Amino acid sequence: ATNVYTAEYSTDLTSGNWLTEALTLKSSEQGVDQTNLPDGKDFTQSFYERMEATLPISKVSPSGGLFLRIRVERNE
């Protein structure tokens, strides 16, 4: 089984408008460091994976509000 990750952001929580434009999501495959995971196990044995989400500052609302969510879908 594999997991598919989708990062989304919104400048408020009331509109329900989640965007993916200009947002990048990196994982171990793109070189994100996997040392010192919460369960203390080696990455190959751990249930955890560290991800890194990046969004240009120009996408942040003038009020400074920004919310991020990561959806995970499991493909069997």
PDB file of N, CA and C in Angstrom:
ATOM      1  N   ALA A   1       0.841  -1.189   0.000  1.00  0.00           N
ATOM      2  CA  ALA A   1       0.000   0.000   0.000  1.00  0.00           C
ATOM      3  C   ALA A   1       0.882   1.247   0.000  1.00  0.00           C
ATOM      4  N   THR A   2       0.397   2.306  -0.610  1.00  0.00           N
ATOM      5  CA  THR A   2       1.102   3.584  -0.640  1.00  0.00           C
ATOM      6  C   THR A   2       0.167   4.693  -0.190  1.00  0.00           C
ATOM      7  N   ASN A   3       0.743   5.765   0.285  1.00  0.00           N
ATOM      8  CA  ASN A   3      -0.029   6.933   0.681  1.00  0.00           C
ATOM      9  C   ASN A   3       0.146   8.033  -0.355  1.00  0.00           C
ATOM     10  N   VAL A   4      -0.934   8.759  -0.615  1.00  0.00           N
ATOM     11  CA  VAL A   4      -0.895   9.924  -1.499  1.00  0.00           C
ATOM     12  C   VAL A   4      -1.200  11.138  -0.628  1.00  0.00           C
ATOM     13  N   TYR A   5      -0.284  12.095  -0.605  1.00  0.00           N
ATOM     14  CA  TYR A   5      -0.419  13.291   0.231  1.00  0.00           C
ATOM     15  C   TYR A   5      -0.800  14.484  -0.646  1.00  0.00           C
ATOM     16  N   THR A   6      -1.775  15.258  -0.172  1.00  0.00           N
ATOM     17  CA  THR A   6      -2.161  16.485  -0.853  1.00  0.00           C
ATOM     18  C   THR A   6      -2.149  17.610   0.166  1.00  0.00           C
ATOM     19  N   ALA A   7      -1.309  18.613  -0.049  1.00  0.00           N
ATOM     20  CA  ALA A   7      -1.255  19.781   0.839  1.00  0.00           C
ATOM     21  C   ALA A   7      -2.177  20.850   0.274  1.00  0.00           C
ATOM     22  N   GLU A   8      -2.933  21.474   1.161  1.00  0.00           N
ATOM     23  CA  GLU A   8      -3.856  22.531   0.769  1.00  0.00           C
ATOM     24  C   GLU A   8      -3.762  23.666   1.787  1.00  0.00           C
ATOM     25  N   TYR A   9      -4.074  24.880   1.345  1.00  0.00           N
ATOM     26  CA  TYR A   9      -4.054  26.021   2.267  1.00  0.00           C
ATOM     27  C   TYR A   9      -5.265  26.900   2.059  1.00  0.00           C
ATOM     28  N   SER A  10      -5.574  27.690   3.080  1.00  0.00           N
ATOM     29  CA  SER A  10      -6.658  28.652   3.030  1.00  0.00           C
ATOM     30  C   SER A  10      -6.284  29.831   3.912  1.00  0.00           C
ATOM     31  N   THR A  11      -6.807  30.993   3.576  1.00  0.00           N
ATOM     32  CA  THR A  11      -6.543  32.173   4.405  1.00  0.00           C
ATOM     33  C   THR A  11      -7.616  32.362   5.470  1.00  0.00           C
ATOM     34  N   ASP A  12      -8.671  31.532   5.432  1.00  0.00           N
ATOM     35  CA  ASP A  12      -9.677  31.543   6.493  1.00  0.00           C
ATOM     36  C   ASP A  12     -10.316  30.160   6.583  1.00  0.00           C
ATOM     37  N   LEU A  13     -10.974  29.906   7.685  1.00  0.00           N
ATOM     38  CA  LEU A  13     -11.591  28.593   7.881  1.00  0.00           C
ATOM     39  C   LEU A  13     -13.096  28.603   7.630  1.00  0.00           C
ATOM     40  N   THR A  14     -13.653  29.751   7.270  1.00  0.00           N
ATOM     41  CA  THR A  14     -15.097  29.834   7.079  1.00  0.00           C
ATOM     42  C   THR A  14     -15.536  29.622   5.640  1.00  0.00           C
ATOM     43  N   SER A  15     -14.684  29.932   4.668  1.00  0.00           N
ATOM     44  CA  SER A  15     -15.092  29.844   3.265  1.00  0.00           C
ATOM     45  C   SER A  15     -15.097  28.421   2.722  1.00  0.00           C
ATOM     46  N   GLY A  16     -14.307  27.546   3.313  1.00  0.00           N
ATOM     47  CA  GLY A  16     -14.187  26.192   2.788  1.00  0.00           C
ATOM     48  C   GLY A  16     -13.413  26.135   1.484  1.00  0.00           C
ATOM     49  N   ASN A  17     -12.710  27.215   1.173  1.00  0.00           N
ATOM     50  CA  ASN A  17     -11.962  27.327  -0.076  1.00  0.00           C
ATOM     51  C   ASN A  17     -10.506  26.912   0.167  1.00  0.00           C
ATOM     52  N   TRP A  18     -10.174  25.663  -0.134  1.00  0.00           N
ATOM     53  CA  TRP A  18      -8.822  25.132   0.054  1.00  0.00           C
ATOM     54  C   TRP A  18      -8.105  25.108  -1.287  1.00  0.00           C
ATOM     55  N   LEU A  19      -6.898  25.667  -1.322  1.00  0.00           N
ATOM     56  CA  LEU A  19      -6.136  25.820  -2.555  1.00  0.00           C
ATOM     57  C   LEU A  19      -4.859  24.991  -2.528  1.00  0.00           C
ATOM     58  N   THR A  20      -4.365  24.661  -3.708  1.00  0.00           N
ATOM     59  CA  THR A  20      -3.089  23.959  -3.828  1.00  0.00           C
ATOM     60  C   THR A  20      -2.097  24.765  -4.654  1.00  0.00           C
ATOM     61  N   GLU A  21      -2.557  25.848  -5.280  1.00  0.00           N
ATOM     62  CA  GLU A  21      -1.729  26.677  -6.156  1.00  0.00           C
ATOM     63  C   GLU A  21      -0.472  27.175  -5.438  1.00  0.00           C
ATOM     64  N   ALA A  22       0.677  26.947  -6.044  1.00  0.00           N
ATOM     65  CA  ALA A  22       1.983  27.429  -5.576  1.00  0.00           C
ATOM     66  C   ALA A  22       2.485  26.730  -4.314  1.00  0.00           C
ATOM     67  N   LEU A  23       1.745  25.768  -3.804  1.00  0.00           N
ATOM     68  CA  LEU A  23       2.151  25.039  -2.601  1.00  0.00           C
ATOM     69  C   LEU A  23       2.917  23.790  -3.013  1.00  0.00           C
ATOM     70  N   THR A  24       4.094  23.613  -2.426  1.00  0.00           N
ATOM     71  CA  THR A  24       4.869  22.408  -2.718  1.00  0.00           C
ATOM     72  C   THR A  24       4.964  21.559  -1.460  1.00  0.00           C
ATOM     73  N   LEU A  25       4.954  20.274  -1.664  1.00  0.00           N
ATOM     74  CA  LEU A  25       5.045  19.328  -0.562  1.00  0.00           C
ATOM     75  C   LEU A  25       6.180  18.361  -0.871  1.00  0.00           C
ATOM     76  N   LYS A  26       7.112  18.252   0.077  1.00  0.00           N
ATOM     77  CA  LYS A  26       8.254  17.355  -0.092  1.00  0.00           C
ATOM     78  C   LYS A  26       8.213  16.272   0.970  1.00  0.00           C
ATOM     79  N   SER A  27       8.780  15.123   0.616  1.00  0.00           N
ATOM     80  CA  SER A  27       8.846  13.990   1.549  1.00  0.00           C
ATOM     81  C   SER A  27      10.260  13.423   1.536  1.00  0.00           C
ATOM     82  N   SER A  28      10.411  12.243   2.059  1.00  0.00           N
ATOM     83  CA  SER A  28      11.729  11.606   2.083  1.00  0.00           C
ATOM     84  C   SER A  28      12.285  11.427   0.677  1.00  0.00           C
ATOM     85  N   GLU A  29      11.410  11.207  -0.289  1.00  0.00           N
ATOM     86  CA  GLU A  29      11.856  11.023  -1.678  1.00  0.00           C
ATOM     87  C   GLU A  29      12.512  12.275  -2.246  1.00  0.00           C
ATOM     88  N   GLN A  30      12.170  13.441  -1.699  1.00  0.00           N
ATOM     89  CA  GLN A  30      12.782  14.701  -2.127  1.00  0.00           C
ATOM     90  C   GLN A  30      13.841  15.182  -1.147  1.00  0.00           C
ATOM     91  N   GLY A  31      14.279  14.308  -0.254  1.00  0.00           N
ATOM     92  CA  GLY A  31      15.401  14.631   0.616  1.00  0.00           C
ATOM     93  C   GLY A  31      15.069  15.214   1.977  1.00  0.00           C
ATOM     94  N   VAL A  32      13.806  15.186   2.402  1.00  0.00           N
ATOM     95  CA  VAL A  32      13.467  15.701   3.722  1.00  0.00           C
ATOM     96  C   VAL A  32      14.063  14.766   4.781  1.00  0.00           C
ATOM     97  N   ASP A  33      14.781  15.346   5.729  1.00  0.00           N
ATOM     98  CA  ASP A  33      15.480  14.594   6.773  1.00  0.00           C
ATOM     99  C   ASP A  33      14.504  13.756   7.596  1.00  0.00           C
ATOM    100  N   GLN A  34      14.805  12.481   7.762  1.00  0.00           N
ATOM    101  CA  GLN A  34      13.944  11.562   8.503  1.00  0.00           C
ATOM    102  C   GLN A  34      14.597  11.064   9.794  1.00  0.00           C
ATOM    103  N   THR A  35      15.602  11.776  10.285  1.00  0.00           N
ATOM    104  CA  THR A  35      16.230  11.368  11.549  1.00  0.00           C
ATOM    105  C   THR A  35      15.409  11.879  12.724  1.00  0.00           C
ATOM    106  N   ASN A  36      15.532  11.204  13.853  1.00  0.00           N
ATOM    107  CA  ASN A  36      14.861  11.589  15.100  1.00  0.00           C
ATOM    108  C   ASN A  36      13.342  11.679  14.959  1.00  0.00           C
ATOM    109  N   LEU A  37      12.738  10.659  14.359  1.00  0.00           N
ATOM    110  CA  LEU A  37      11.283  10.622  14.245  1.00  0.00           C
ATOM    111  C   LEU A  37      10.668  10.390  15.622  1.00  0.00           C
ATOM    112  N   PRO A  38       9.403  10.765  15.846  1.00  0.00           N
ATOM    113  CA  PRO A  38       8.803  10.720  17.188  1.00  0.00           C
ATOM    114  C   PRO A  38       8.854   9.366  17.891  1.00  0.00           C
ATOM    115  N   ASP A  39       8.811   8.268  17.135  1.00  0.00           N
ATOM    116  CA  ASP A  39       8.834   6.963  17.803  1.00  0.00           C
ATOM    117  C   ASP A  39      10.245   6.440  18.051  1.00  0.00           C
ATOM    118  N   GLY A  40      11.260   7.216  17.646  1.00  0.00           N
ATOM    119  CA  GLY A  40      12.640   6.839  17.888  1.00  0.00           C
ATOM    120  C   GLY A  40      13.169   5.733  16.988  1.00  0.00           C
ATOM    121  N   LYS A  41      12.366   5.296  16.024  1.00  0.00           N
ATOM    122  CA  LYS A  41      12.772   4.216  15.127  1.00  0.00           C
ATOM    123  C   LYS A  41      13.434   4.769  13.873  1.00  0.00           C
ATOM    124  N   ASP A  42      14.207   3.913  13.223  1.00  0.00           N
ATOM    125  CA  ASP A  42      14.776   4.248  11.926  1.00  0.00           C
ATOM    126  C   ASP A  42      13.621   4.446  10.943  1.00  0.00           C
ATOM    127  N   PHE A  43      13.807   5.333   9.974  1.00  0.00           N
ATOM    128  CA  PHE A  43      12.751   5.650   9.011  1.00  0.00           C
ATOM    129  C   PHE A  43      12.178   4.403   8.341  1.00  0.00           C
ATOM    130  N   THR A  44      13.008   3.436   8.036  1.00  0.00           N
ATOM    131  CA  THR A  44      12.533   2.232   7.345  1.00  0.00           C
ATOM    132  C   THR A  44      11.619   1.377   8.218  1.00  0.00           C
ATOM    133  N   GLN A  45      11.656   1.587   9.546  1.00  0.00           N
ATOM    134  CA  GLN A  45      10.834   0.812  10.474  1.00  0.00           C
ATOM    135  C   GLN A  45       9.734   1.648  11.133  1.00  0.00           C
ATOM    136  N   SER A  46       9.737   2.950  10.907  1.00  0.00           N
ATOM    137  CA  SER A  46       8.838   3.872  11.599  1.00  0.00           C
ATOM    138  C   SER A  46       7.479   3.979  10.912  1.00  0.00           C
ATOM    139  N   PHE A  47       6.473   4.341  11.699  1.00  0.00           N
ATOM    140  CA  PHE A  47       5.155   4.656  11.150  1.00  0.00           C
ATOM    141  C   PHE A  47       5.073   6.134  10.764  1.00  0.00           C
ATOM    142  N   TYR A  48       6.114   6.903  11.079  1.00  0.00           N
ATOM    143  CA  TYR A  48       6.131   8.339  10.830  1.00  0.00           C
ATOM    144  C   TYR A  48       6.937   8.673   9.576  1.00  0.00           C
ATOM    145  N   GLU A  49       6.560   9.784   8.956  1.00  0.00           N
ATOM    146  CA  GLU A  49       7.364  10.355   7.873  1.00  0.00           C
ATOM    147  C   GLU A  49       7.267  11.865   7.993  1.00  0.00           C
ATOM    148  N   ARG A  50       8.391  12.522   7.988  1.00  0.00           N
ATOM    149  CA  ARG A  50       8.431  13.972   8.080  1.00  0.00           C
ATOM    150  C   ARG A  50       8.201  14.547   6.679  1.00  0.00           C
ATOM    151  N   MET A  51       7.296  15.540   6.596  1.00  0.00           N
ATOM    152  CA  MET A  51       6.977  16.213   5.341  1.00  0.00           C
ATOM    153  C   MET A  51       7.334  17.688   5.489  1.00  0.00           C
ATOM    154  N   GLU A  52       7.536  18.349   4.361  1.00  0.00           N
ATOM    155  CA  GLU A  52       7.843  19.775   4.353  1.00  0.00           C
ATOM    156  C   GLU A  52       6.954  20.467   3.325  1.00  0.00           C
ATOM    157  N   ALA A  53       6.152  21.424   3.778  1.00  0.00           N
ATOM    158  CA  ALA A  53       5.277  22.190   2.892  1.00  0.00           C
ATOM    159  C   ALA A  53       5.834  23.603   2.755  1.00  0.00           C
ATOM    160  N   THR A  54       5.848  24.126   1.520  1.00  0.00           N
ATOM    161  CA  THR A  54       6.380  25.455   1.257  1.00  0.00           C
ATOM    162  C   THR A  54       5.367  26.247   0.440  1.00  0.00           C
ATOM    163  N   LEU A  55       5.131  27.491   0.859  1.00  0.00           N
ATOM    164  CA  LEU A  55       4.202  28.377   0.170  1.00  0.00           C
ATOM    165  C   LEU A  55       4.826  29.766   0.091  1.00  0.00           C
ATOM    166  N   PRO A  56       4.813  30.391  -1.080  1.00  0.00           N
ATOM    167  CA  PRO A  56       5.367  31.744  -1.189  1.00  0.00           C
ATOM    168  C   PRO A  56       4.639  32.721  -0.260  1.00  0.00           C
ATOM    169  N   ILE A  57       5.355  33.640   0.333  1.00  0.00           N
ATOM    170  CA  ILE A  57       4.780  34.617   1.263  1.00  0.00           C
ATOM    171  C   ILE A  57       3.698  35.459   0.595  1.00  0.00           C
ATOM    172  N   SER A  58       3.749  35.588  -0.719  1.00  0.00           N
ATOM    173  CA  SER A  58       2.750  36.386  -1.438  1.00  0.00           C
ATOM    174  C   SER A  58       1.354  35.778  -1.351  1.00  0.00           C
ATOM    175  N   LYS A  59       1.239  34.518  -0.964  1.00  0.00           N
ATOM    176  CA  LYS A  59      -0.064  33.854  -0.843  1.00  0.00           C
ATOM    177  C   LYS A  59      -0.706  34.062   0.523  1.00  0.00           C
ATOM    178  N   VAL A  60       0.022  34.630   1.469  1.00  0.00           N
ATOM    179  CA  VAL A  60      -0.515  34.888   2.802  1.00  0.00           C
ATOM    180  C   VAL A  60      -1.417  36.113   2.729  1.00  0.00           C
ATOM    181  N   SER A  61      -2.565  36.061   3.411  1.00  0.00           N
ATOM    182  CA  SER A  61      -3.505  37.176   3.374  1.00  0.00           C
ATOM    183  C   SER A  61      -2.910  38.393   4.073  1.00  0.00           C
ATOM    184  N   PRO A  62      -3.411  39.609   3.744  1.00  0.00           N
ATOM    185  CA  PRO A  62      -2.909  40.827   4.396  1.00  0.00           C
ATOM    186  C   PRO A  62      -3.011  40.771   5.921  1.00  0.00           C
ATOM    187  N   SER A  63      -3.997  40.046   6.440  1.00  0.00           N
ATOM    188  CA  SER A  63      -4.148  39.941   7.900  1.00  0.00           C
ATOM    189  C   SER A  63      -3.138  38.962   8.496  1.00  0.00           C
ATOM    190  N   GLY A  64      -2.442  38.219   7.628  1.00  0.00           N
ATOM    191  CA  GLY A  64      -1.444  37.274   8.109  1.00  0.00           C
ATOM    192  C   GLY A  64      -1.987  35.887   8.388  1.00  0.00           C
ATOM    193  N   GLY A  65      -3.277  35.689   8.183  1.00  0.00           N
ATOM    194  CA  GLY A  65      -3.876  34.389   8.462  1.00  0.00           C
ATOM    195  C   GLY A  65      -3.556  33.362   7.387  1.00  0.00           C
ATOM    196  N   LEU A  66      -3.187  32.175   7.815  1.00  0.00           N
ATOM    197  CA  LEU A  66      -2.915  31.096   6.880  1.00  0.00           C
ATOM    198  C   LEU A  66      -3.116  29.764   7.595  1.00  0.00           C
ATOM    199  N   PHE A  67      -3.855  28.887   6.957  1.00  0.00           N
ATOM    200  CA  PHE A  67      -4.131  27.567   7.504  1.00  0.00           C
ATOM    201  C   PHE A  67      -3.679  26.527   6.494  1.00  0.00           C
ATOM    202  N   LEU A  68      -3.094  25.464   6.973  1.00  0.00           N
ATOM    203  CA  LEU A  68      -2.571  24.409   6.122  1.00  0.00           C
ATOM    204  C   LEU A  68      -3.169  23.083   6.573  1.00  0.00           C
ATOM    205  N   ARG A  69      -3.532  22.264   5.597  1.00  0.00           N
ATOM    206  CA  ARG A  69      -3.953  20.907   5.923  1.00  0.00           C
ATOM    207  C   ARG A  69      -3.302  19.953   4.933  1.00  0.00           C
ATOM    208  N   ILE A  70      -3.068  18.760   5.391  1.00  0.00           N
ATOM    209  CA  ILE A  70      -2.504  17.729   4.529  1.00  0.00           C
ATOM    210  C   ILE A  70      -3.471  16.558   4.540  1.00  0.00           C
ATOM    211  N   ARG A  71      -4.008  16.271   3.365  1.00  0.00           N
ATOM    212  CA  ARG A  71      -4.910  15.129   3.213  1.00  0.00           C
ATOM    213  C   ARG A  71      -4.078  13.912   2.830  1.00  0.00           C
ATOM    214  N   VAL A  72      -4.382  12.790   3.452  1.00  0.00           N
ATOM    215  CA  VAL A  72      -3.678  11.558   3.168  1.00  0.00           C
ATOM    216  C   VAL A  72      -4.692  10.517   2.687  1.00  0.00           C
ATOM    217  N   GLU A  73      -4.415   9.971   1.515  1.00  0.00           N
ATOM    218  CA  GLU A  73      -5.253   8.911   0.973  1.00  0.00           C
ATOM    219  C   GLU A  73      -4.377   7.659   0.842  1.00  0.00           C
ATOM    220  N   ARG A  74      -4.922   6.552   1.260  1.00  0.00           N
ATOM    221  CA  ARG A  74      -4.166   5.296   1.212  1.00  0.00           C
ATOM    222  C   ARG A  74      -4.640   4.473   0.023  1.00  0.00           C
ATOM    223  N   ASN A  75      -3.704   4.138  -0.854  1.00  0.00           N
ATOM    224  CA  ASN A  75      -3.987   3.275  -1.999  1.00  0.00           C
ATOM    225  C   ASN A  75      -3.595   1.856  -1.636  1.00  0.00           C
ATOM    226  N   GLU A  76      -4.533   0.979  -1.638  1.00  0.00           N
ATOM    227  CA  GLU A  76      -4.265  -0.425  -1.297  1.00  0.00           C
ATOM    228  C   GLU A  76      -3.775  -1.165  -2.512  1.00  0.00           C
TER     229      GLU A  76
END
